[in-house]
Amino acid sequence: MILKIVLFYGYWLAAARMDWKTYYLPPWFLLLSAFFLFLPVSFHPLSFLYGIAAFLLLVSGRNSIGYADVIYLFEMAFLFDVYAMNRIILLSVLCGFFVLLVMKKEPVPFVTCLSAGIVVSGVLEWISHGIMMP
């Protein structure tokens, strides 16, 4: 169980660091995340709404979101139920506002914010109920 937790959160922290520094996640790194699709899931169809909205932003041509953001939002829809997704997205957007307004970093590395939302949400869930794993 401990190894699973370390690998899961370690992957998201590595994605956050890579996205923060380069605004790019290589394809091989994105393929590593396919491992998480084999974890037990608390799947809910409404969780995909965030990924669908991000995909529509991507194809609109406004350059407001990247491919990795869309891939991770769809992946998160497989891993988390709708309640966890709402909590993670809320924390991610707050992180994005902090990065944009306080740290003055533009464009916002949103995979970093998604990763922060997952980690903070997991810590909050652990404090209140026990460890949050997909």
Protein backbone atom coordinates (compact mmCIF):
# COMPACT_ATOMS: atom_id res chain seq x y z
CA MET A 1 0.00 0.00 0.00
CA ILE A 2 2.81 2.42 0.91
CA LEU A 3 4.63 1.75 -2.37
CA LYS A 4 1.40 2.40 -4.32
CA ILE A 5 0.91 5.73 -2.52
CA VAL A 6 4.53 6.79 -3.08
CA LEU A 7 4.38 5.88 -6.79
CA PHE A 8 1.01 7.57 -7.33
CA TYR A 9 1.82 10.87 -5.62
CA GLY A 10 5.46 10.77 -6.75
CA TYR A 11 4.35 10.59 -10.37
CA TRP A 12 2.09 13.62 -10.00
CA LEU A 13 4.83 15.58 -8.23
CA ALA A 14 7.29 14.71 -11.02
CA ALA A 15 4.72 15.84 -13.62
CA ALA A 16 4.26 19.09 -11.70
CA ARG A 17 7.99 19.79 -11.60
CA MET A 18 8.49 19.00 -15.28
CA ASP A 19 5.53 21.14 -16.34
CA TRP A 20 6.64 24.02 -14.08
CA LYS A 21 10.13 24.11 -15.57
CA THR A 22 9.45 23.36 -19.25
CA TYR A 23 5.71 23.74 -19.95
CA TYR A 24 6.10 20.39 -21.69
CA LEU A 25 5.59 16.75 -20.80
CA PRO A 26 7.27 14.28 -23.17
CA PRO A 27 5.11 11.54 -24.72
CA TRP A 28 6.97 8.78 -22.85
CA PHE A 29 6.07 10.47 -19.57
CA LEU A 30 2.42 10.66 -20.57
CA LEU A 31 2.49 6.94 -21.47
CA LEU A 32 3.74 6.14 -17.97
CA SER A 33 0.48 7.49 -16.63
CA ALA A 34 -1.38 4.68 -18.42
CA PHE A 35 -0.24 2.49 -15.50
CA PHE A 36 -2.77 4.28 -13.29
CA LEU A 37 -5.63 3.09 -15.47
CA PHE A 38 -5.08 -0.38 -13.98
CA LEU A 39 -5.68 0.84 -10.45
CA PRO A 40 -9.05 0.23 -8.82
CA VAL A 41 -11.24 3.15 -9.75
CA SER A 42 -14.26 4.96 -8.45
CA PHE A 43 -15.52 5.75 -11.92
CA HIS A 44 -18.40 8.15 -12.55
CA PRO A 45 -19.44 9.40 -16.02
CA LEU A 46 -19.89 13.00 -14.83
CA SER A 47 -16.17 13.14 -14.07
CA PHE A 48 -15.55 13.30 -17.82
CA LEU A 49 -17.21 16.71 -18.14
CA TYR A 50 -13.96 18.46 -17.17
CA GLY A 51 -12.01 16.56 -19.81
CA ILE A 52 -14.65 17.26 -22.45
CA ALA A 53 -14.64 20.98 -21.62
CA ALA A 54 -10.83 21.04 -21.79
CA PHE A 55 -10.88 19.22 -25.13
CA LEU A 56 -13.34 21.78 -26.52
CA LEU A 57 -11.01 24.56 -25.36
CA LEU A 58 -8.11 22.82 -27.07
CA VAL A 59 -9.86 22.45 -30.42
CA SER A 60 -11.25 25.99 -30.29
CA GLY A 61 -7.77 27.19 -31.24
CA ARG A 62 -7.52 29.80 -28.50
CA ASN A 63 -4.21 28.39 -27.17
CA SER A 64 -5.62 28.43 -23.66
CA ILE A 65 -4.89 24.81 -22.73
CA GLY A 66 -2.34 22.19 -23.73
CA TYR A 67 -2.56 18.57 -24.81
CA ALA A 68 -1.14 17.28 -21.52
CA ASP A 69 -3.82 19.15 -19.55
CA VAL A 70 -6.55 17.45 -21.57
CA ILE A 71 -4.92 14.02 -21.27
CA TYR A 72 -4.56 14.35 -17.51
CA LEU A 73 -8.13 15.57 -17.05
CA PHE A 74 -9.44 12.52 -18.92
CA GLU A 75 -7.12 10.27 -16.95
CA MET A 76 -8.29 11.79 -13.68
CA ALA A 77 -11.89 11.08 -14.76
CA PHE A 78 -10.99 7.38 -14.81
CA LEU A 79 -9.34 7.56 -11.39
CA PHE A 80 -11.61 9.73 -9.27
CA ASP A 81 -15.33 10.00 -8.66
CA VAL A 82 -17.19 13.21 -9.37
CA TYR A 83 -16.88 14.51 -5.80
CA ALA A 84 -13.11 14.07 -5.72
CA MET A 85 -12.88 15.62 -9.21
CA ASN A 86 -14.82 18.68 -8.07
CA ARG A 87 -12.53 19.10 -5.06
CA ILE A 88 -9.37 18.59 -7.17
CA ILE A 89 -10.48 20.99 -9.92
CA LEU A 90 -11.43 23.65 -7.34
CA LEU A 91 -8.01 23.37 -5.69
CA SER A 92 -6.31 23.36 -9.12
CA VAL A 93 -8.08 26.53 -10.25
CA LEU A 94 -7.21 28.26 -6.97
CA CYS A 95 -3.60 27.20 -7.49
CA GLY A 96 -3.75 28.56 -11.05
CA PHE A 97 -5.05 31.91 -9.81
CA PHE A 98 -2.25 32.02 -7.22
CA VAL A 99 0.39 31.25 -9.85
CA LEU A 100 -1.01 33.86 -12.23
CA LEU A 101 -1.80 36.69 -9.82
CA VAL A 102 0.78 36.32 -7.04
CA MET A 103 3.72 34.63 -8.74
CA LYS A 104 3.12 36.46 -12.05
CA LYS A 105 3.91 33.31 -14.07
CA GLU A 106 2.28 33.29 -17.46
CA PRO A 107 1.20 31.04 -19.09
CA VAL A 108 0.02 29.01 -16.10
CA PRO A 109 1.49 25.48 -16.05
CA PHE A 110 -1.85 23.80 -15.39
CA VAL A 111 -0.54 20.22 -15.02
CA THR A 112 1.37 21.62 -12.06
CA CYS A 113 -1.87 23.02 -10.67
CA LEU A 114 -3.69 19.73 -11.30
CA SER A 115 -0.93 17.88 -9.50
CA ALA A 116 -1.11 20.30 -6.58
CA GLY A 117 -4.89 19.81 -6.48
CA ILE A 118 -4.49 16.03 -6.35
CA VAL A 119 -1.85 16.14 -3.61
CA VAL A 120 -3.64 18.73 -1.46
CA SER A 121 -6.96 16.94 -1.91
CA GLY A 122 -5.31 13.66 -0.92
CA VAL A 123 -3.80 15.23 2.20
CA LEU A 124 -7.16 16.78 3.17
CA GLU A 125 -8.92 13.46 2.59
CA TRP A 126 -6.29 11.63 4.62
CA ILE A 127 -6.63 14.07 7.49
CA SER A 128 -10.41 13.70 7.53
CA HIS A 129 -11.02 10.05 6.57
CA GLY A 130 -7.92 8.12 5.60
CA ILE A 131 -5.68 8.08 2.54
CA MET A 132 -7.27 8.94 -0.82
CA MET A 133 -6.29 6.59 -3.60
CA PRO A 134 -8.13 5.93 -6.80
